[in-house]
Amino acid sequence: MKKLFVGGLSFKTTEEGLAEAFGKAGQVISAVIITDRMTHRSKGFGFVEMTNDDEAEAAIAMYNNQELDGRKVVVNEARPLVKRF
């Protein structure tokens, strides 16, 4: 399983739409768009989990610097979460 970071998302992009788009590159385990706690509005980025490295690499090649819902998105491998104090 590999987690991808997707930045530059349109505010009208939904989690279902994100999963459907990345599903063209392979099997999607989950697609999450990060939202503001107060307004519940998209922060413009999210994460997609793919089943294996080959499908993740295909998704990066397919969508990095390409248009999705009218916005050019950035797609790369997500970095591990670092605890902040």
C-alpha atoms as a PDB file:
ATOM      1  CA  MET A   1       0.000   0.000   0.000  1.00  0.00           C
ATOM      2  CA  LYS A   2       1.315   3.463  -0.883  1.00  0.00           C
ATOM      3  CA  LYS A   3      -0.090   6.839   0.156  1.00  0.00           C
ATOM      4  CA  LEU A   4      -0.026   9.755  -2.281  1.00  0.00           C
ATOM      5  CA  PHE A   5      -0.268  13.479  -1.563  1.00  0.00           C
ATOM      6  CA  VAL A   6      -2.500  15.422  -3.965  1.00  0.00           C
ATOM      7  CA  GLY A   7      -2.166  19.220  -3.811  1.00  0.00           C
ATOM      8  CA  GLY A   8      -3.837  22.058  -5.675  1.00  0.00           C
ATOM      9  CA  LEU A   9      -7.301  20.489  -5.645  1.00  0.00           C
ATOM     10  CA  SER A  10     -10.315  22.463  -6.756  1.00  0.00           C
ATOM     11  CA  PHE A  11     -12.786  23.313  -3.983  1.00  0.00           C
ATOM     12  CA  LYS A  12     -15.446  21.448  -5.981  1.00  0.00           C
ATOM     13  CA  THR A  13     -13.461  18.178  -6.039  1.00  0.00           C
ATOM     14  CA  THR A  14     -15.109  15.513  -3.885  1.00  0.00           C
ATOM     15  CA  GLU A  15     -13.576  12.453  -2.248  1.00  0.00           C
ATOM     16  CA  GLU A  16     -15.670  10.269  -4.550  1.00  0.00           C
ATOM     17  CA  GLY A  17     -14.451  12.171  -7.608  1.00  0.00           C
ATOM     18  CA  LEU A  18     -10.853  11.925  -6.435  1.00  0.00           C
ATOM     19  CA  ALA A  19     -11.186   8.155  -5.904  1.00  0.00           C
ATOM     20  CA  GLU A  20     -12.818   7.740  -9.312  1.00  0.00           C
ATOM     21  CA  ALA A  21     -10.080   9.712 -11.088  1.00  0.00           C
ATOM     22  CA  PHE A  22      -7.242   7.810  -9.418  1.00  0.00           C
ATOM     23  CA  GLY A  23      -9.091   4.547  -9.989  1.00  0.00           C
ATOM     24  CA  LYS A  24      -8.102   4.874 -13.647  1.00  0.00           C
ATOM     25  CA  ALA A  25      -4.499   4.177 -12.580  1.00  0.00           C
ATOM     26  CA  GLY A  26      -5.308   1.252 -10.280  1.00  0.00           C
ATOM     27  CA  GLN A  27      -7.227   0.157  -7.210  1.00  0.00           C
ATOM     28  CA  VAL A  28      -7.841   2.934  -4.691  1.00  0.00           C
ATOM     29  CA  ILE A  29      -8.066   1.937  -1.025  1.00  0.00           C
ATOM     30  CA  SER A  30      -9.081   5.388   0.216  1.00  0.00           C
ATOM     31  CA  ALA A  31      -9.318   8.996  -0.899  1.00  0.00           C
ATOM     32  CA  VAL A  32      -9.518  11.788   1.678  1.00  0.00           C
ATOM     33  CA  ILE A  33      -9.733  15.547   1.158  1.00  0.00           C
ATOM     34  CA  ILE A  34      -8.511  17.573   4.133  1.00  0.00           C
ATOM     35  CA  THR A  35     -11.048  20.140   5.344  1.00  0.00           C
ATOM     36  CA  ASP A  36     -11.003  23.076   7.736  1.00  0.00           C
ATOM     37  CA  ARG A  37     -12.409  22.134  11.157  1.00  0.00           C
ATOM     38  CA  MET A  38     -14.471  25.295  11.521  1.00  0.00           C
ATOM     39  CA  THR A  39     -15.866  25.832   8.026  1.00  0.00           C
ATOM     40  CA  HIS A  40     -15.652  22.237   6.716  1.00  0.00           C
ATOM     41  CA  ARG A  41     -14.343  23.718   3.456  1.00  0.00           C
ATOM     42  CA  SER A  42     -11.618  21.929   1.526  1.00  0.00           C
ATOM     43  CA  LYS A  43      -8.064  23.072   2.221  1.00  0.00           C
ATOM     44  CA  GLY A  44      -7.163  22.206  -1.384  1.00  0.00           C
ATOM     45  CA  PHE A  45      -5.201  19.027  -0.736  1.00  0.00           C
ATOM     46  CA  GLY A  46      -5.782  15.405   0.122  1.00  0.00           C
ATOM     47  CA  PHE A  47      -4.403  11.892   0.198  1.00  0.00           C
ATOM     48  CA  VAL A  48      -5.050   8.806  -1.907  1.00  0.00           C
ATOM     49  CA  GLU A  49      -3.989   5.307  -0.868  1.00  0.00           C
ATOM     50  CA  MET A  50      -3.242   2.872  -3.674  1.00  0.00           C
ATOM     51  CA  THR A  51      -2.895  -0.904  -3.299  1.00  0.00           C
ATOM     52  CA  ASN A  52       0.691  -1.199  -4.563  1.00  0.00           C
ATOM     53  CA  ASP A  53       3.736   0.759  -5.670  1.00  0.00           C
ATOM     54  CA  ASP A  54       3.230   0.153  -9.406  1.00  0.00           C
ATOM     55  CA  GLU A  55      -0.298   1.581  -9.347  1.00  0.00           C
ATOM     56  CA  ALA A  56       0.874   4.521  -7.236  1.00  0.00           C
ATOM     57  CA  GLU A  57       3.668   5.286  -9.719  1.00  0.00           C
ATOM     58  CA  ALA A  58       1.139   5.061 -12.566  1.00  0.00           C
ATOM     59  CA  ALA A  59      -1.145   7.525 -10.753  1.00  0.00           C
ATOM     60  CA  ILE A  60       1.745   9.956 -10.199  1.00  0.00           C
ATOM     61  CA  ALA A  61       2.697   9.751 -13.888  1.00  0.00           C
ATOM     62  CA  MET A  62      -0.940  10.174 -14.949  1.00  0.00           C
ATOM     63  CA  TYR A  63      -1.894  13.142 -12.738  1.00  0.00           C
ATOM     64  CA  ASN A  64       1.191  15.065 -11.576  1.00  0.00           C
ATOM     65  CA  ASN A  65       1.092  18.559 -13.141  1.00  0.00           C
ATOM     66  CA  GLN A  66      -2.119  17.653 -14.972  1.00  0.00           C
ATOM     67  CA  GLU A  67      -5.566  19.227 -14.758  1.00  0.00           C
ATOM     68  CA  LEU A  68      -8.239  17.750 -12.482  1.00  0.00           C
ATOM     69  CA  ASP A  69     -11.582  19.569 -12.132  1.00  0.00           C
ATOM     70  CA  GLY A  70     -10.122  22.671 -13.764  1.00  0.00           C
ATOM     71  CA  ARG A  71      -7.005  22.957 -11.575  1.00  0.00           C
ATOM     72  CA  LYS A  72      -3.445  21.759 -12.154  1.00  0.00           C
ATOM     73  CA  VAL A  73      -2.629  19.318  -9.347  1.00  0.00           C
ATOM     74  CA  VAL A  74       0.637  18.130  -7.828  1.00  0.00           C
ATOM     75  CA  VAL A  75       0.862  14.417  -7.010  1.00  0.00           C
ATOM     76  CA  ASN A  76       3.731  12.732  -5.195  1.00  0.00           C
ATOM     77  CA  GLU A  77       4.418  10.132  -2.547  1.00  0.00           C
ATOM     78  CA  ALA A  78       3.216  11.320   0.852  1.00  0.00           C
ATOM     79  CA  ARG A  79       5.867  11.876   3.477  1.00  0.00           C
ATOM     80  CA  PRO A  80       5.455  10.258   6.898  1.00  0.00           C
ATOM     81  CA  LEU A  81       3.641  12.332   9.506  1.00  0.00           C
ATOM     82  CA  VAL A  82       6.078  14.135  11.799  1.00  0.00           C
ATOM     83  CA  LYS A  83       4.935  14.937  15.321  1.00  0.00           C
ATOM     84  CA  ARG A  84       5.050  18.640  16.126  1.00  0.00           C
ATOM     85  CA  PHE A  85       5.410  19.819  19.696  1.00  0.00           C
END
